[in-house]
Structures are given as structure tokens and as C-alpha cells.
């Protein structure tokens, strides 16, 4: 695929090596540090050093900085010309390496374009749609179970239920769990005889029983075959009776032979099907997988895909019936619910800026919300001055509509008594019942509450085209004027689905002839409400909404998309790395005793002339950096492997000496001793592991499983999981070791001087909550007042301007700390306040922060959500671990820094009529703090 200039390059291997190589061994500093991130420069430097074809590219960044800056800031750099000679020197295949280094967020896009260009079609990058009907017709039989390998947000139960209904076959559904085994076995036995279907959900919960199920299926198959052979030998024919002549009909199996015993009477009905769903599980019975049809499906991606799928969960007839009988408000809230559910599902793609934890929002959450909506609306409907009935649970409300005998459907729709419908109660049910059961993190629950206030409020009823997003007003709840452009029945006169639904559901108090004529009254075609047209909503979603998800739909900015795309690229490269390492060193334990050496312990044997690739570790003592290089498994490289591990061992600092620390009951002294103990324990573990690995690689000891795993992590340039128990980190190995050295240096200096630092490096603490508690304890002792005990104190935060020098003296009150990074927002240093992020600026380091523990009643000024944002503080970019935020820090919001399109103007337009609070920039809907909550704005202690 590559041209002659680059045909010798192993691009896939280099993509992997650049993924594991995180720092450079060259002393050349970043010449573009004002716009090029350090990790991108490190990757370019490694590319220059490790791939001969790219020698000189690092110097090109220094000499042609402006040209590279323009290319870097381009929206689609993969399609732009590279500076100077590099455009003609390389092709698209090798250009991926540059994109991977500098703009990894565009790597997936470039790979897709490359595939389409080389293969001549885009079918290789588009996943096929799931068609259960086709699977049933072509890939199933009574003896072959169908197993759905569950992906996130995918539940095949609804589609299976719908198909069973179409085929007129009884479906038995079981959600597997302990104690249900006997019920399931009885149901399967009955279904086998009667031609029914059985759906077993969540098979991964009882994998041990699945082996018994597999044996049961094998037994049924053998019995059926034996019975058929017996019938053939006796000259008899086994018949199966059906209650329906169709292929989907159900019936009972019988035999012309009545003398067989019970075992031989068992016959597998031709309509019988066994459906299962399960998440991947290492103990899932292999034999059951072999005999089954495996179906792997992912939910449609994007807002449009998810909203379309949710609309298709309900038939056009049912939608028209519900929309007509439950007032126009039902249609608007239902549409808002599809949007709400879609952004909850799709927000996960933003990684750290999305949700702090992974949540499996699924269709059952949406369906429960729809049930709540129907029940609440049915109790709020008034028709002819009388309260409507409650309706069927989860279905259409059985409301008798008293109306005059008219053919104008628009005038017969029910009206909603808005005073009886509480959006506050509806939001409560959404947050705490329908969706809140998934959400356990307090920050995520706050975000969920923000979305409910944005999507479900009184303005949704009042405005014709209500904007669902504050930062992108293209996402609207469509009114009649918009839907009329997409409605089939308005544009072509067709209204069979709507007319049929209404004719079967409406009870008139007057002349019943109008009911019978609803489906074909020509005058009605001109007066039918397009908001009853299911297809109009679907078409509007597909054609009227932005085809590519806008970050504004989620309350995010363009940088969040970059973060999302970088995460996808990382996932791809990690997968490639796993695939490539399976062909490299994997059986290191073959190095027995002391004579094997590296040649007998690596892969097929380095000394034996193996050709597997091996990542060699280079350590630069001067810069405390590490680089991995892919080398052929040749004998002359053995010493480089051994030397690399030894050099890595040499970088680990000595234990922290605490002999000069005067042991007192002072809170900070206790914190210091605890931190030193944790770090010394970690240093011992790291040095012990590396020493054992070094000895094993020399062939002086056996390479056990623990060392194999350790070596595997190191080869990938990642921190071994055994070393992450003291404090979490997402840094690559080289950066982690450098960071570890700096941390140890900080506490060593503190311990040796036996004097508190003037300014504390908050990131260095393995347990920062303990440090913050100690500061509070010192303040409480100073107050010496029962009303100002530690539990009645909280921190006041004040950022120190850059031009104020604080390193030469300690804080007069409280402490100075540094090492905080802001993610999901920008920072204006002149006013020390939150602003919008600059393009491609994903994080920024905040100035020195002064912490003062003061009585809580003195902090009331920070409670204004339009002036201050309570930013959660996390230990590392992966926010889900550690049991939630360390603390919350009040960040000042710069006024009028938020680029909003709606509904800011809504409140201004309706202020007089609706008496909204003009002093609030977002009226009574949302606050400026809510804006940054949707941005995922947070503080972290590691860059």
C-alpha cells in the first residue's frame, strides 16, 4: 500500500511504538512550546530518532514553526499539505505517523479515508444493521440457540418480542439469576414440545448453569434424532400439528407411535427457538458457543441514530393514538425524552469530560420514563371540564373524549390542565427513579439534574419550537410549522396509520358515524395535525437535525470532540499493540536455572534466530527519560534488554530518610510521616520487582508469571498495575518514573529540613484529603472555640496572581498549594476566573492557591451559582476511581464569558409575560454553574 519511498517502513509497528514511547532521549527542547503540547513534541522527537525515514522532522518544526502551526490548527490536518519537503516525501500511509504524533484526534478519520481510498468503497467502515428477522429466517433452527453478545446500551429483547408477535409465537422471557434454574428448565421443556420461544437474558450472571443448559440441549438433540430414526425404521412418520398454517404459528408435536416411552416421545418442535443474551465472560461454556449462532451488535451511534431508534420502539399507530389521547404536550415531552436519552448515552464518548463513571443507559430506562409521562399526563387531562381516566399502565390512556361531531381531528384533541401537571415531579421521577438508579456519583447526578431542567420545563409547553440545547439552537422540539414540511400525510394526503389508530381508540359521545369515517374522510386530510404523524418526527430527526453530533448539543465545546477522538485513537492503538505483542515475547518462563540467558527466555529464542519483534528500553540518565525501540530478536540485542532494565532500576531514588523528623503531634508532621511511609513502601516494591526481572532476564532465575506480567507492562511503556496501589496515575511509564522522582524529592527535602515548605505541592500527596484535614485541624486549634470546631470549618480559596511571589515565605494564614490543572474550561489569569477554553487547549495549569479554613457561615457569598462554580477536584484525569472528588473548590466565573444561543433570549423575550427573573442571565432555567457542569469542568492534580 505504501509507495517505494516508504515501502520498507513497518508503519503498523511504528504506530504501536510511538504509542508506547512517551518521552524523548534527545536534548532538543520544544521549539514550539507556545502552541505544540509537550506530548506531541515528545512523539515527534521519537519519530525522528526511531524511524530513519523521518530523520530531520524534529528540526523542521524548529525551522518552519509557523507552517507547522497552521497545519496543526487546521480542522482537517490529514487533508492539508505538509510543510516543505514532507508533502512530497511521504504518502498517506506514512503520513499517519505524523498525524498520530501531532493530531491524534484526527487519526481515526485518516484511517477511514485511507480504507475507503484503497478499498474503493465505504462499506468496510459502516457496520451492518441488526436484522433479527433475517437472523431468524436464515441463521436459526430449533437446535441452534441464538446468543446476543451484549454491547453497551443494546437490549435485543424488544426486537425479539416484536418478532414473536409478528410470528404469532408465544415468547417466554427470563432474566437469569440464582433460583430461576428450575423454572427456566421447565419452560424450555414446554417450549420444545409446543413450539414456543424462550429468551434468557443476562446469561453471564449464572455461567455455571449454562453448562447444564448445554447438556440439556445436547440431550434433546440426541433424543429427537433417535426418535426420527426409530420412526424411519418402523415405517412411520412423525407429524407436527400447528395451530396456524403460517411458519410462525404455534402448535403441539405428536407422533403416530404411542407405545414409546416418555423419553422417546420428546420431539423438538420446528418452531422452537432459544434466545440468549450475555456479556462477554471468560467462563462462558465453549461448547454452547460452538453450537450457537453468535450475534454481536452495537447501538446506533450519534444523536440522530439513537433518537431514530427510540422512535421506532413505538409503532406509528400507537404513537398517533397516544399523541391524540394524551394532548399535544405528550408529543413534545416524548420528543424531548428521546433527545434527553440520546445525549445521556452519547455523552460517554467524551471520556473524562462526559461521565465520571461508565453507565449502561438502555431502552428500559427510556420506556419507564415514557410510562411515567403517560400516567402523569392522563391524570392531568381535562375534557369537557371532567378529569380523564388513568389509562393502562405503560400503554395508551383510556380517555373518553367528549366532543362535537366534527371531522376536524385537530379540534378533538384533549386539553391538558397544566396546573395539574408538575414538571418538578416529572423531573424528580426521571432523576431518582427512571435514570437515577444507574447514576451513583454525586457529580454525575448533578449533571443529570441539569439536563432534566434544560429539557423538561414549562417553556417546553409554551414555545412552538423549543430549543433543547443552550449552546446550539439547531436542536428543537418541532412544532406544527416544522413538522408540516416533513409530514407524509400533509404532503401526500396519506394518513392510514394515524387514521387507523384514531378510529380504533376514540370514543365519541355524539354521532358514531364520524368514528367510522375517520380513516377515509377526505376533508380530514387538510386539517390533520402533523404532530400526530410518527413519520414526520422520524424524517425531521434524520434530515432536520445536524448530521454530525454538535458538541453544543451536549453543552460541550469543540475541544471535547478532540478529547473524544483522542480516546478513540488510543483505544485503536492499544488494540493494535495487543495484536502485535502476541507475536513477540510471551513465554519468558522457559528460561530455567542460570544457563538459558535471554536467548532461551524470549519468544522462540533470540539465540535461535527468531524474528519476533522486541521493544528495547533506553534510559537517559541525564533527562530521566525512557524510550522503547522495536528491534529484531537477535543475539546482539540481548545485552540491550538487560541493560535497559538495569538502567531503569538505577533511576529509582533511594528511600526517604525520616530520621531527622522530630516526631510531634502536629498534624502536618503526622501527614509527612505517613506520606514517607507510603512512598518508601512503593520504592521498595518497584526496586524489588525490577531487580528480580533483571536477574531473570540474565538467566539467573526463573521467570514466573508475576515477572512475565511485569515485563509485558514495561514493554508497552505502561506502569505495571502492581505499582499503582499507592496512588492512581494515567501517566506512561517514563513520565511516571520521572514524576515519582520529583515526588520523593519533595518529601525528602521536607523531611531533611524538618521544616514545613513555604508552598506545598498538593499533587505529591498520595492522600491529599489527609493533608487538607490537617490544615483544618490547625485552624480549629487556633480558633479554640467549640463553635469553630473542625466539622464547622471549610476552605476559602484565593488564587494568587502570577506577579505575586509566594515561594520565599509561607502563608500568613492557611497554606499555599500548587499543582492544580483545569480541565473543561479556560482560565483568565488577570481576573483569576473561569472563561471559555481556547481551541486545542485541553488543560491549563492554575496559579498558586491559598487555602484558609474559616467558619462555614463566612462562605455564603460563594453560594451564588451565577458567580462561582464549585469545581470537583480529582486526583488524576480518570475521575471514576477513588470514591469521588477529593473536595470542591469555588472558582469565580467571569461574567458574559459563556457563548449561549438559547434559551437566554427566551427569558428576555418572555420576561414581561412570564415574569422571569431578568437578573439571572439564564432566567429560571439554568445557571452559569450549570453551563460548566455540562462542560465537565473539573480540577485534577496530574497533567
Foldseek 3Di string as FASTA:
>chain_A
DWDPLCPVDPLLVLLLQLLQFFAAQDPDDQLQVVQFPPRLLRSLRCCLVFPVLSPPVSVVCNVVVVQVNVLLQDPASLPDAHPDPVNVNTDLSNVLSNCCRGQLLCNVVSVQVVCCVVVVDNPVVDDDDDDVVCCVVPPDWQLAAEEEADDFQDDCVLVVVVVLVVLVAAEAEDADDPPCLVVLVVVLQVCQFWLHEYEYEACVRCLVCVVVVLVVSVLLVVLQVVLCVVCVVVVFDWDWDFPDPDPSTIGGTAGPDPPDDPSNGRHGDGNYYYYYYHHDDPSRDPSSVVRYHYHYDDQDDDLLSQLLVLLVSDDLLQLLLQCQALDVLLLLLLSLLSNLLNLLVNQCLLPLQRDLDDFRDYVQLSLVLSQVVQQQSQQFWDAPNHRFDRADRSGHHQGAHEDDPDLQSVVRGIDGNVVSRDLVVSLCCSLVPSPVVRDDEPLVSVLSSLLSLLRGDPVSVVDQWDQSFFADRLRTSHHQVQLCVQACLNVPVDDQSSQVSQLVRYDYPDDCVSSVCSNPDSVNSNRDRSSSGSRSVSVCSCPRHDPHDALRSLLAHPVSSSSSSSVVSSVVSVVSNVVLCVQWFQAQQQLAAAPQALQRRIHVGLDVVDFRWFWFWDANPVVLFIRTHIDGSHPVCLVRNLVRLVNPLVLQDDQADQPQADDDPQLVSVLLVVQSVLLNVLSVVVNVLSVVLSCSNRSNHGCDPVNSQVVVLVRSQADRPVNCPLAHEDDGNSVVSVVSVVLRVVSNVCSVVNDDFQEAALLSRSQSLSVVLSLLCVVQVVVVDPCSHSVQKDKAKDFDAPVDDRRVHHDPAAGKYFQKKKALFDADRVVQATAHDDPPCGIDGGGIMGIHIDGPVVCVVLPPLQFWAFAFEAAYSSQNPDSGGSGTHIGTHDPPRDNTDDDLVVCVVCCVVVVWDVVASHTPRDHVNSSSSSSSIHMYNHD
